[in-house]
């Protein structure tokens, strides 16, 4: 197909792709460059290459600011939020797609509307609930809060993936003696694996990068996640750009690796969900 395109159009397409790549990659490159600069060189040296590169900023993040604790907290919260959310969403999406009962279409729409509700409107009622459950300033409470936006999105996406799987396969399994749950876990979920991986990656990324709710519901330094820890590097009008950029690089690496390892499944899952949702 590409060989049939005229040479002029090919050059134009490659030029556009190169421009898009530069626009996407330049902020990442600049972030990494600033993270290698000394504080006095950030404003004095506007060049794109650090004249005196140093890893001292990363050393400070791990030693003085104990950034490994923040990475651990983010990993725990994002991982458990993803696991619980995807498990609940699998059951909810299967119920809404496969089981027929009154009001299921409206329930599916309400799930989407609940996800579209701004989190800034929910933190007050969530704060009351977390306080009554005595989960304030804990990772468990933060995981519970993250489920309020992770589960609706996961359910809505999985509904699209499940619609793309023929119901005949589950019927044959149930004719052979499988229960509905066995058909779900042994037939439907393995077939919808790309969709599950895509939803898991989106959920993990959303929990990993979330700032507002984590800033509200955590106060202790030992409980802070990565976005909150980076926020506390700003004191008044003083921006420690060298440390902020070093922390941002460390925060971006796990997500970049995750997307690199799962990109094939994410693309396949997005395509399947977009067609059937």
C-alpha atoms as a PDB file:
ATOM      1  CA  UNK A   1       0.000   0.000   0.000  1.00  0.00           C
ATOM      2  CA  UNK A   2       2.761   2.437   0.964  1.00  0.00           C
ATOM      3  CA  UNK A   3       4.713   1.586  -2.213  1.00  0.00           C
ATOM      4  CA  UNK A   4       1.841   2.864  -4.357  1.00  0.00           C
ATOM      5  CA  UNK A   5       1.951   6.311  -2.766  1.00  0.00           C
ATOM      6  CA  UNK A   6       3.755   8.937  -4.875  1.00  0.00           C
ATOM      7  CA  UNK A   7       7.225   9.975  -3.712  1.00  0.00           C
ATOM      8  CA  UNK A   8       6.086  13.509  -2.862  1.00  0.00           C
ATOM      9  CA  UNK A   9       3.335  12.239  -0.597  1.00  0.00           C
ATOM     10  CA  UNK A  10       5.749   9.830   1.093  1.00  0.00           C
ATOM     11  CA  UNK A  11       8.110  12.703   1.893  1.00  0.00           C
ATOM     12  CA  UNK A  12       5.205  14.716   3.279  1.00  0.00           C
ATOM     13  CA  UNK A  13       3.997  11.816   5.443  1.00  0.00           C
ATOM     14  CA  UNK A  14       7.465  11.107   6.815  1.00  0.00           C
ATOM     15  CA  UNK A  15       7.985  14.813   7.507  1.00  0.00           C
ATOM     16  CA  UNK A  16       4.708  14.943   9.456  1.00  0.00           C
ATOM     17  CA  UNK A  17       5.651  11.815  11.401  1.00  0.00           C
ATOM     18  CA  UNK A  18       9.042  13.325  12.200  1.00  0.00           C
ATOM     19  CA  UNK A  19       7.402  16.562  13.349  1.00  0.00           C
ATOM     20  CA  UNK A  20       4.966  14.679  15.594  1.00  0.00           C
ATOM     21  CA  UNK A  21       7.834  12.613  17.043  1.00  0.00           C
ATOM     22  CA  UNK A  22       9.804  15.786  17.817  1.00  0.00           C
ATOM     23  CA  UNK A  23       6.781  17.439  19.468  1.00  0.00           C
ATOM     24  CA  UNK A  24       6.188  14.362  21.630  1.00  0.00           C
ATOM     25  CA  UNK A  25       9.793  13.543  22.501  1.00  0.00           C
ATOM     26  CA  UNK A  26      11.204  17.048  23.011  1.00  0.00           C
ATOM     27  CA  UNK A  27       9.544  17.633  26.435  1.00  0.00           C
ATOM     28  CA  UNK A  28      10.856  14.265  27.606  1.00  0.00           C
ATOM     29  CA  UNK A  29      14.336  15.091  26.352  1.00  0.00           C
ATOM     30  CA  UNK A  30      14.268  18.550  27.942  1.00  0.00           C
ATOM     31  CA  UNK A  31      13.051  17.080  31.237  1.00  0.00           C
ATOM     32  CA  UNK A  32      15.961  14.625  31.239  1.00  0.00           C
ATOM     33  CA  UNK A  33      18.428  17.378  30.300  1.00  0.00           C
ATOM     34  CA  UNK A  34      17.358  19.681  33.139  1.00  0.00           C
ATOM     35  CA  UNK A  35      17.567  16.774  35.582  1.00  0.00           C
ATOM     36  CA  UNK A  36      21.304  16.547  34.797  1.00  0.00           C
ATOM     37  CA  UNK A  37      22.014  20.216  35.443  1.00  0.00           C
ATOM     38  CA  UNK A  38      23.164  21.962  38.585  1.00  0.00           C
ATOM     39  CA  UNK A  39      20.718  24.510  40.026  1.00  0.00           C
ATOM     40  CA  UNK A  40      22.904  27.460  39.007  1.00  0.00           C
ATOM     41  CA  UNK A  41      23.171  26.187  35.431  1.00  0.00           C
ATOM     42  CA  UNK A  42      19.429  25.892  34.777  1.00  0.00           C
ATOM     43  CA  UNK A  43      19.002  29.644  34.179  1.00  0.00           C
ATOM     44  CA  UNK A  44      22.566  30.478  33.170  1.00  0.00           C
ATOM     45  CA  UNK A  45      22.866  27.682  30.623  1.00  0.00           C
ATOM     46  CA  UNK A  46      19.838  27.652  28.292  1.00  0.00           C
ATOM     47  CA  UNK A  47      21.434  25.129  25.929  1.00  0.00           C
ATOM     48  CA  UNK A  48      19.766  21.785  25.224  1.00  0.00           C
ATOM     49  CA  UNK A  49      22.893  19.902  26.290  1.00  0.00           C
ATOM     50  CA  UNK A  50      24.155  20.193  29.886  1.00  0.00           C
ATOM     51  CA  UNK A  51      27.688  21.581  29.934  1.00  0.00           C
ATOM     52  CA  UNK A  52      28.450  19.950  33.294  1.00  0.00           C
ATOM     53  CA  UNK A  53      26.129  16.953  33.592  1.00  0.00           C
ATOM     54  CA  UNK A  54      25.740  15.468  37.049  1.00  0.00           C
ATOM     55  CA  UNK A  55      23.750  12.708  38.692  1.00  0.00           C
ATOM     56  CA  UNK A  56      23.701  14.539  42.008  1.00  0.00           C
ATOM     57  CA  UNK A  57      20.008  15.399  41.597  1.00  0.00           C
ATOM     58  CA  UNK A  58      19.090  11.719  41.442  1.00  0.00           C
ATOM     59  CA  UNK A  59      21.317  10.949  44.421  1.00  0.00           C
ATOM     60  CA  UNK A  60      19.573  13.672  46.436  1.00  0.00           C
ATOM     61  CA  UNK A  61      16.134  12.316  45.511  1.00  0.00           C
ATOM     62  CA  UNK A  62      17.049   8.866  46.824  1.00  0.00           C
ATOM     63  CA  UNK A  63      18.991   9.951  49.895  1.00  0.00           C
ATOM     64  CA  UNK A  64      17.776  13.288  51.236  1.00  0.00           C
ATOM     65  CA  UNK A  65      14.187  13.102  49.950  1.00  0.00           C
ATOM     66  CA  UNK A  66      13.724   9.300  50.249  1.00  0.00           C
ATOM     67  CA  UNK A  67      12.033   9.059  46.863  1.00  0.00           C
ATOM     68  CA  UNK A  68      12.132   5.265  46.947  1.00  0.00           C
ATOM     69  CA  UNK A  69       9.408   5.343  49.620  1.00  0.00           C
ATOM     70  CA  UNK A  70       7.214   7.437  47.343  1.00  0.00           C
ATOM     71  CA  UNK A  71       7.818   5.061  44.442  1.00  0.00           C
ATOM     72  CA  UNK A  72       6.890   2.127  46.662  1.00  0.00           C
ATOM     73  CA  UNK A  73       3.693   3.855  47.790  1.00  0.00           C
ATOM     74  CA  UNK A  74       2.671   4.683  44.229  1.00  0.00           C
ATOM     75  CA  UNK A  75       3.380   1.142  43.092  1.00  0.00           C
ATOM     76  CA  UNK A  76       1.305  -0.371  45.921  1.00  0.00           C
ATOM     77  CA  UNK A  77      -1.619   1.986  45.393  1.00  0.00           C
ATOM     78  CA  UNK A  78      -1.613   1.756  41.586  1.00  0.00           C
ATOM     79  CA  UNK A  79      -1.166  -2.032  41.507  1.00  0.00           C
ATOM     80  CA  UNK A  80      -3.835  -2.869  44.076  1.00  0.00           C
ATOM     81  CA  UNK A  81      -6.235  -0.310  42.608  1.00  0.00           C
ATOM     82  CA  UNK A  82      -5.773  -1.919  39.205  1.00  0.00           C
ATOM     83  CA  UNK A  83      -6.230  -5.483  40.442  1.00  0.00           C
ATOM     84  CA  UNK A  84      -9.346  -4.729  42.497  1.00  0.00           C
ATOM     85  CA  UNK A  85     -10.837  -2.449  39.862  1.00  0.00           C
ATOM     86  CA  UNK A  86     -10.335  -4.878  36.977  1.00  0.00           C
ATOM     87  CA  UNK A  87     -11.738  -7.793  39.011  1.00  0.00           C
ATOM     88  CA  UNK A  88     -14.871  -5.861  39.999  1.00  0.00           C
ATOM     89  CA  UNK A  89     -15.227  -4.442  36.504  1.00  0.00           C
ATOM     90  CA  UNK A  90     -15.038  -7.885  34.899  1.00  0.00           C
ATOM     91  CA  UNK A  91     -18.018  -9.055  36.941  1.00  0.00           C
ATOM     92  CA  UNK A  92     -19.949  -5.819  36.400  1.00  0.00           C
ATOM     93  CA  UNK A  93     -19.277  -5.659  32.660  1.00  0.00           C
ATOM     94  CA  UNK A  94     -20.179  -9.336  32.211  1.00  0.00           C
ATOM     95  CA  UNK A  95     -23.429  -8.782  34.060  1.00  0.00           C
ATOM     96  CA  UNK A  96     -24.345  -5.746  31.953  1.00  0.00           C
ATOM     97  CA  UNK A  97     -23.462  -7.408  28.648  1.00  0.00           C
ATOM     98  CA  UNK A  98     -24.496 -11.045  29.082  1.00  0.00           C
ATOM     99  CA  UNK A  99     -27.218 -11.124  31.745  1.00  0.00           C
ATOM    100  CA  UNK A 100     -30.619  -9.699  30.830  1.00  0.00           C
ATOM    101  CA  UNK A 101     -32.513  -7.879  33.578  1.00  0.00           C
ATOM    102  CA  UNK A 102     -34.567  -4.679  33.784  1.00  0.00           C
ATOM    103  CA  UNK A 103     -32.607  -1.419  33.851  1.00  0.00           C
ATOM    104  CA  UNK A 104     -29.229  -2.806  32.794  1.00  0.00           C
ATOM    105  CA  UNK A 105     -28.867  -0.282  29.946  1.00  0.00           C
ATOM    106  CA  UNK A 106     -29.513   2.584  32.318  1.00  0.00           C
ATOM    107  CA  UNK A 107     -27.023   1.136  34.781  1.00  0.00           C
ATOM    108  CA  UNK A 108     -24.376   1.084  32.057  1.00  0.00           C
ATOM    109  CA  UNK A 109     -25.028   4.746  31.293  1.00  0.00           C
ATOM    110  CA  UNK A 110     -24.962   5.687  34.971  1.00  0.00           C
ATOM    111  CA  UNK A 111     -21.566   4.017  35.288  1.00  0.00           C
ATOM    112  CA  UNK A 112     -20.245   6.212  32.488  1.00  0.00           C
ATOM    113  CA  UNK A 113     -21.801   9.350  34.008  1.00  0.00           C
ATOM    114  CA  UNK A 114     -20.214   8.556  37.376  1.00  0.00           C
ATOM    115  CA  UNK A 115     -16.797   8.415  35.693  1.00  0.00           C
ATOM    116  CA  UNK A 116     -17.427  11.747  33.949  1.00  0.00           C
ATOM    117  CA  UNK A 117     -18.179  13.453  37.277  1.00  0.00           C
ATOM    118  CA  UNK A 118     -15.198  15.706  38.174  1.00  0.00           C
ATOM    119  CA  UNK A 119     -13.177  14.367  41.081  1.00  0.00           C
ATOM    120  CA  UNK A 120     -13.103  17.870  42.579  1.00  0.00           C
ATOM    121  CA  UNK A 121     -16.841  17.486  43.260  1.00  0.00           C
ATOM    122  CA  UNK A 122     -16.442  14.106  44.931  1.00  0.00           C
ATOM    123  CA  UNK A 123     -13.651  14.647  47.429  1.00  0.00           C
ATOM    124  CA  UNK A 124     -15.949  16.130  50.117  1.00  0.00           C
ATOM    125  CA  UNK A 125     -18.343  13.138  50.279  1.00  0.00           C
ATOM    126  CA  UNK A 126     -15.360  10.823  49.862  1.00  0.00           C
ATOM    127  CA  UNK A 127     -13.640  12.540  52.790  1.00  0.00           C
ATOM    128  CA  UNK A 128     -16.694  11.901  54.958  1.00  0.00           C
ATOM    129  CA  UNK A 129     -16.795   8.228  53.964  1.00  0.00           C
ATOM    130  CA  UNK A 130     -13.058   7.742  54.488  1.00  0.00           C
ATOM    131  CA  UNK A 131     -13.263   9.447  57.883  1.00  0.00           C
ATOM    132  CA  UNK A 132     -16.098   7.192  59.042  1.00  0.00           C
ATOM    133  CA  UNK A 133     -14.199   4.129  57.840  1.00  0.00           C
ATOM    134  CA  UNK A 134     -11.115   5.406  59.714  1.00  0.00           C
ATOM    135  CA  UNK A 135      -8.986   5.060  56.588  1.00  0.00           C
ATOM    136  CA  UNK A 136      -7.699   8.618  56.484  1.00  0.00           C
ATOM    137  CA  UNK A 137      -4.006   9.095  55.738  1.00  0.00           C
ATOM    138  CA  UNK A 138      -3.553   5.435  54.773  1.00  0.00           C
ATOM    139  CA  UNK A 139      -2.718   3.664  51.534  1.00  0.00           C
ATOM    140  CA  UNK A 140      -5.828   1.516  51.982  1.00  0.00           C
ATOM    141  CA  UNK A 141      -8.005   4.618  52.027  1.00  0.00           C
ATOM    142  CA  UNK A 142      -6.293   5.965  48.916  1.00  0.00           C
ATOM    143  CA  UNK A 143      -6.891   2.679  47.098  1.00  0.00           C
ATOM    144  CA  UNK A 144     -10.560   2.825  48.083  1.00  0.00           C
ATOM    145  CA  UNK A 145     -10.803   6.395  46.763  1.00  0.00           C
ATOM    146  CA  UNK A 146      -9.135   5.512  43.464  1.00  0.00           C
ATOM    147  CA  UNK A 147     -11.725   2.811  42.841  1.00  0.00           C
ATOM    148  CA  UNK A 148     -14.338   5.566  42.467  1.00  0.00           C
ATOM    149  CA  UNK A 149     -12.873   6.602  39.114  1.00  0.00           C
ATOM    150  CA  UNK A 150     -11.048   3.417  38.109  1.00  0.00           C
ATOM    151  CA  UNK A 151     -13.940   0.949  38.373  1.00  0.00           C
ATOM    152  CA  UNK A 152     -16.448   2.919  36.227  1.00  0.00           C
ATOM    153  CA  UNK A 153     -13.921   3.437  33.433  1.00  0.00           C
ATOM    154  CA  UNK A 154     -12.783  -0.178  33.519  1.00  0.00           C
ATOM    155  CA  UNK A 155     -16.382  -1.409  33.457  1.00  0.00           C
ATOM    156  CA  UNK A 156     -17.317   0.788  30.502  1.00  0.00           C
ATOM    157  CA  UNK A 157     -14.279  -0.298  28.482  1.00  0.00           C
ATOM    158  CA  UNK A 158     -14.704  -3.985  29.295  1.00  0.00           C
ATOM    159  CA  UNK A 159     -18.316  -3.838  28.168  1.00  0.00           C
ATOM    160  CA  UNK A 160     -17.065  -2.990  24.704  1.00  0.00           C
ATOM    161  CA  UNK A 161     -14.523  -5.811  24.732  1.00  0.00           C
ATOM    162  CA  UNK A 162     -17.018  -8.405  25.969  1.00  0.00           C
ATOM    163  CA  UNK A 163     -19.517  -7.469  23.264  1.00  0.00           C
ATOM    164  CA  UNK A 164     -16.911  -8.471  20.705  1.00  0.00           C
ATOM    165  CA  UNK A 165     -16.754 -12.065  21.960  1.00  0.00           C
ATOM    166  CA  UNK A 166     -19.446 -14.372  20.462  1.00  0.00           C
ATOM    167  CA  UNK A 167     -21.862 -15.640  23.083  1.00  0.00           C
ATOM    168  CA  UNK A 168     -21.935 -19.037  21.338  1.00  0.00           C
ATOM    169  CA  UNK A 169     -18.583 -19.948  22.884  1.00  0.00           C
ATOM    170  CA  UNK A 170     -19.932 -19.488  26.400  1.00  0.00           C
ATOM    171  CA  UNK A 171     -23.138 -21.318  25.543  1.00  0.00           C
ATOM    172  CA  UNK A 172     -21.164 -24.335  24.364  1.00  0.00           C
ATOM    173  CA  UNK A 173     -19.164 -24.316  27.597  1.00  0.00           C
ATOM    174  CA  UNK A 174     -22.342 -24.109  29.692  1.00  0.00           C
ATOM    175  CA  UNK A 175     -23.909 -26.945  27.655  1.00  0.00           C
ATOM    176  CA  UNK A 176     -20.872 -29.036  28.600  1.00  0.00           C
ATOM    177  CA  UNK A 177     -21.579 -28.361  32.272  1.00  0.00           C
ATOM    178  CA  UNK A 178     -19.707 -25.137  33.012  1.00  0.00           C
ATOM    179  CA  UNK A 179     -21.330 -22.559  35.236  1.00  0.00           C
ATOM    180  CA  UNK A 180     -21.646 -18.922  34.204  1.00  0.00           C
ATOM    181  CA  UNK A 181     -18.613 -17.922  36.271  1.00  0.00           C
ATOM    182  CA  UNK A 182     -16.561 -20.785  34.816  1.00  0.00           C
ATOM    183  CA  UNK A 183     -17.528 -19.665  31.320  1.00  0.00           C
ATOM    184  CA  UNK A 184     -16.457 -16.144  32.234  1.00  0.00           C
ATOM    185  CA  UNK A 185     -13.044 -17.066  33.631  1.00  0.00           C
ATOM    186  CA  UNK A 186     -12.202 -19.947  31.280  1.00  0.00           C
ATOM    187  CA  UNK A 187     -13.691 -18.774  27.986  1.00  0.00           C
ATOM    188  CA  UNK A 188     -14.436 -15.058  27.917  1.00  0.00           C
ATOM    189  CA  UNK A 189     -11.494 -13.597  29.834  1.00  0.00           C
ATOM    190  CA  UNK A 190      -8.755 -15.488  27.910  1.00  0.00           C
ATOM    191  CA  UNK A 191     -10.272 -14.339  24.614  1.00  0.00           C
ATOM    192  CA  UNK A 192     -10.588 -10.760  25.876  1.00  0.00           C
ATOM    193  CA  UNK A 193      -7.011 -10.739  27.243  1.00  0.00           C
ATOM    194  CA  UNK A 194      -5.829  -7.803  25.043  1.00  0.00           C
ATOM    195  CA  UNK A 195      -8.727  -5.745  26.335  1.00  0.00           C
ATOM    196  CA  UNK A 196      -7.973  -6.686  29.937  1.00  0.00           C
ATOM    197  CA  UNK A 197      -4.339  -5.685  29.513  1.00  0.00           C
ATOM    198  CA  UNK A 198      -5.319  -2.374  27.893  1.00  0.00           C
ATOM    199  CA  UNK A 199      -7.764  -1.575  30.700  1.00  0.00           C
ATOM    200  CA  UNK A 200      -5.184  -2.566  33.326  1.00  0.00           C
ATOM    201  CA  UNK A 201      -2.565  -0.279  31.777  1.00  0.00           C
ATOM    202  CA  UNK A 202      -4.983   2.664  31.646  1.00  0.00           C
ATOM    203  CA  UNK A 203      -6.101   2.087  35.228  1.00  0.00           C
ATOM    204  CA  UNK A 204      -2.537   1.734  36.500  1.00  0.00           C
ATOM    205  CA  UNK A 205      -1.437   4.901  34.707  1.00  0.00           C
ATOM    206  CA  UNK A 206      -4.381   6.899  36.050  1.00  0.00           C
ATOM    207  CA  UNK A 207      -3.670   5.831  39.627  1.00  0.00           C
ATOM    208  CA  UNK A 208       0.090   6.337  39.202  1.00  0.00           C
ATOM    209  CA  UNK A 209      -0.295   9.944  37.990  1.00  0.00           C
ATOM    210  CA  UNK A 210      -3.227  11.079  40.173  1.00  0.00           C
ATOM    211  CA  UNK A 211      -2.464  14.124  42.332  1.00  0.00           C
ATOM    212  CA  UNK A 212      -5.591  15.862  43.655  1.00  0.00           C
ATOM    213  CA  UNK A 213      -7.088  13.029  45.704  1.00  0.00           C
ATOM    214  CA  UNK A 214      -3.686  11.849  46.924  1.00  0.00           C
ATOM    215  CA  UNK A 215      -2.871  15.395  48.048  1.00  0.00           C
ATOM    216  CA  UNK A 216      -6.146  15.619  49.975  1.00  0.00           C
ATOM    217  CA  UNK A 217      -6.242  12.193  51.617  1.00  0.00           C
ATOM    218  CA  UNK A 218      -2.566  11.785  52.581  1.00  0.00           C
ATOM    219  CA  UNK A 219      -0.615  14.012  54.953  1.00  0.00           C
ATOM    220  CA  UNK A 220       2.269  11.938  56.343  1.00  0.00           C
ATOM    221  CA  UNK A 221       5.542  12.002  54.352  1.00  0.00           C
ATOM    222  CA  UNK A 222       5.759   8.206  54.603  1.00  0.00           C
ATOM    223  CA  UNK A 223       2.373   7.846  52.851  1.00  0.00           C
ATOM    224  CA  UNK A 224       2.934  10.278  49.982  1.00  0.00           C
ATOM    225  CA  UNK A 225       2.809   9.017  46.428  1.00  0.00           C
ATOM    226  CA  UNK A 226       5.072  10.277  43.641  1.00  0.00           C
ATOM    227  CA  UNK A 227       2.903  13.197  42.422  1.00  0.00           C
ATOM    228  CA  UNK A 228       2.446  14.460  45.991  1.00  0.00           C
ATOM    229  CA  UNK A 229       6.169  14.164  46.716  1.00  0.00           C
ATOM    230  CA  UNK A 230       6.966  16.194  43.588  1.00  0.00           C
ATOM    231  CA  UNK A 231       4.401  18.785  44.634  1.00  0.00           C
ATOM    232  CA  UNK A 232       6.137  19.216  47.999  1.00  0.00           C
ATOM    233  CA  UNK A 233       9.391  20.053  46.228  1.00  0.00           C
ATOM    234  CA  UNK A 234       7.787  23.427  45.511  1.00  0.00           C
ATOM    235  CA  UNK A 235       7.992  25.697  48.546  1.00  0.00           C
ATOM    236  CA  UNK A 236       6.351  29.082  48.128  1.00  0.00           C
ATOM    237  CA  UNK A 237       7.660  30.582  44.916  1.00  0.00           C
ATOM    238  CA  UNK A 238      10.827  28.452  44.909  1.00  0.00           C
ATOM    239  CA  UNK A 239      10.849  25.774  42.221  1.00  0.00           C
ATOM    240  CA  UNK A 240      13.655  23.245  42.538  1.00  0.00           C
ATOM    241  CA  UNK A 241      13.563  22.422  38.834  1.00  0.00           C
ATOM    242  CA  UNK A 242      16.588  20.141  38.956  1.00  0.00           C
ATOM    243  CA  UNK A 243      15.001  17.927  41.617  1.00  0.00           C
ATOM    244  CA  UNK A 244      11.512  18.166  40.121  1.00  0.00           C
ATOM    245  CA  UNK A 245      12.771  17.050  36.718  1.00  0.00           C
ATOM    246  CA  UNK A 246      14.841  14.254  38.253  1.00  0.00           C
ATOM    247  CA  UNK A 247      11.779  13.013  40.131  1.00  0.00           C
ATOM    248  CA  UNK A 248       9.652  13.319  36.985  1.00  0.00           C
ATOM    249  CA  UNK A 249      12.120  11.183  35.045  1.00  0.00           C
ATOM    250  CA  UNK A 250      12.073   8.531  37.771  1.00  0.00           C
ATOM    251  CA  UNK A 251       8.271   8.662  37.858  1.00  0.00           C
ATOM    252  CA  UNK A 252       7.937   8.358  34.091  1.00  0.00           C
ATOM    253  CA  UNK A 253      10.279   5.394  33.660  1.00  0.00           C
ATOM    254  CA  UNK A 254       7.993   2.661  35.104  1.00  0.00           C
ATOM    255  CA  UNK A 255       5.030   3.819  33.021  1.00  0.00           C
ATOM    256  CA  UNK A 256       7.139   4.068  29.865  1.00  0.00           C
ATOM    257  CA  UNK A 257       8.465   0.551  30.421  1.00  0.00           C
ATOM    258  CA  UNK A 258       4.932  -0.706  31.086  1.00  0.00           C
ATOM    259  CA  UNK A 259       3.625   0.795  27.852  1.00  0.00           C
ATOM    260  CA  UNK A 260       6.616  -0.515  25.907  1.00  0.00           C
ATOM    261  CA  UNK A 261       6.066  -4.073  27.136  1.00  0.00           C
ATOM    262  CA  UNK A 262       2.293  -4.003  26.596  1.00  0.00           C
ATOM    263  CA  UNK A 263       1.999  -1.772  23.518  1.00  0.00           C
ATOM    264  CA  UNK A 264       0.909  -4.630  21.241  1.00  0.00           C
ATOM    265  CA  UNK A 265      -1.909  -5.606  23.593  1.00  0.00           C
ATOM    266  CA  UNK A 266      -2.897  -1.993  24.242  1.00  0.00           C
ATOM    267  CA  UNK A 267      -3.240  -1.237  20.525  1.00  0.00           C
ATOM    268  CA  UNK A 268      -5.204  -4.440  19.934  1.00  0.00           C
ATOM    269  CA  UNK A 269      -7.402  -3.752  22.954  1.00  0.00           C
ATOM    270  CA  UNK A 270      -8.113  -0.161  21.908  1.00  0.00           C
ATOM    271  CA  UNK A 271      -9.088  -1.340  18.431  1.00  0.00           C
ATOM    272  CA  UNK A 272     -11.412  -4.029  19.724  1.00  0.00           C
ATOM    273  CA  UNK A 273     -13.069  -1.729  22.231  1.00  0.00           C
ATOM    274  CA  UNK A 274     -13.469   1.114  19.750  1.00  0.00           C
ATOM    275  CA  UNK A 275     -15.298  -1.105  17.270  1.00  0.00           C
ATOM    276  CA  UNK A 276     -17.654  -2.807  19.709  1.00  0.00           C
ATOM    277  CA  UNK A 277     -18.210  -0.204  22.459  1.00  0.00           C
END
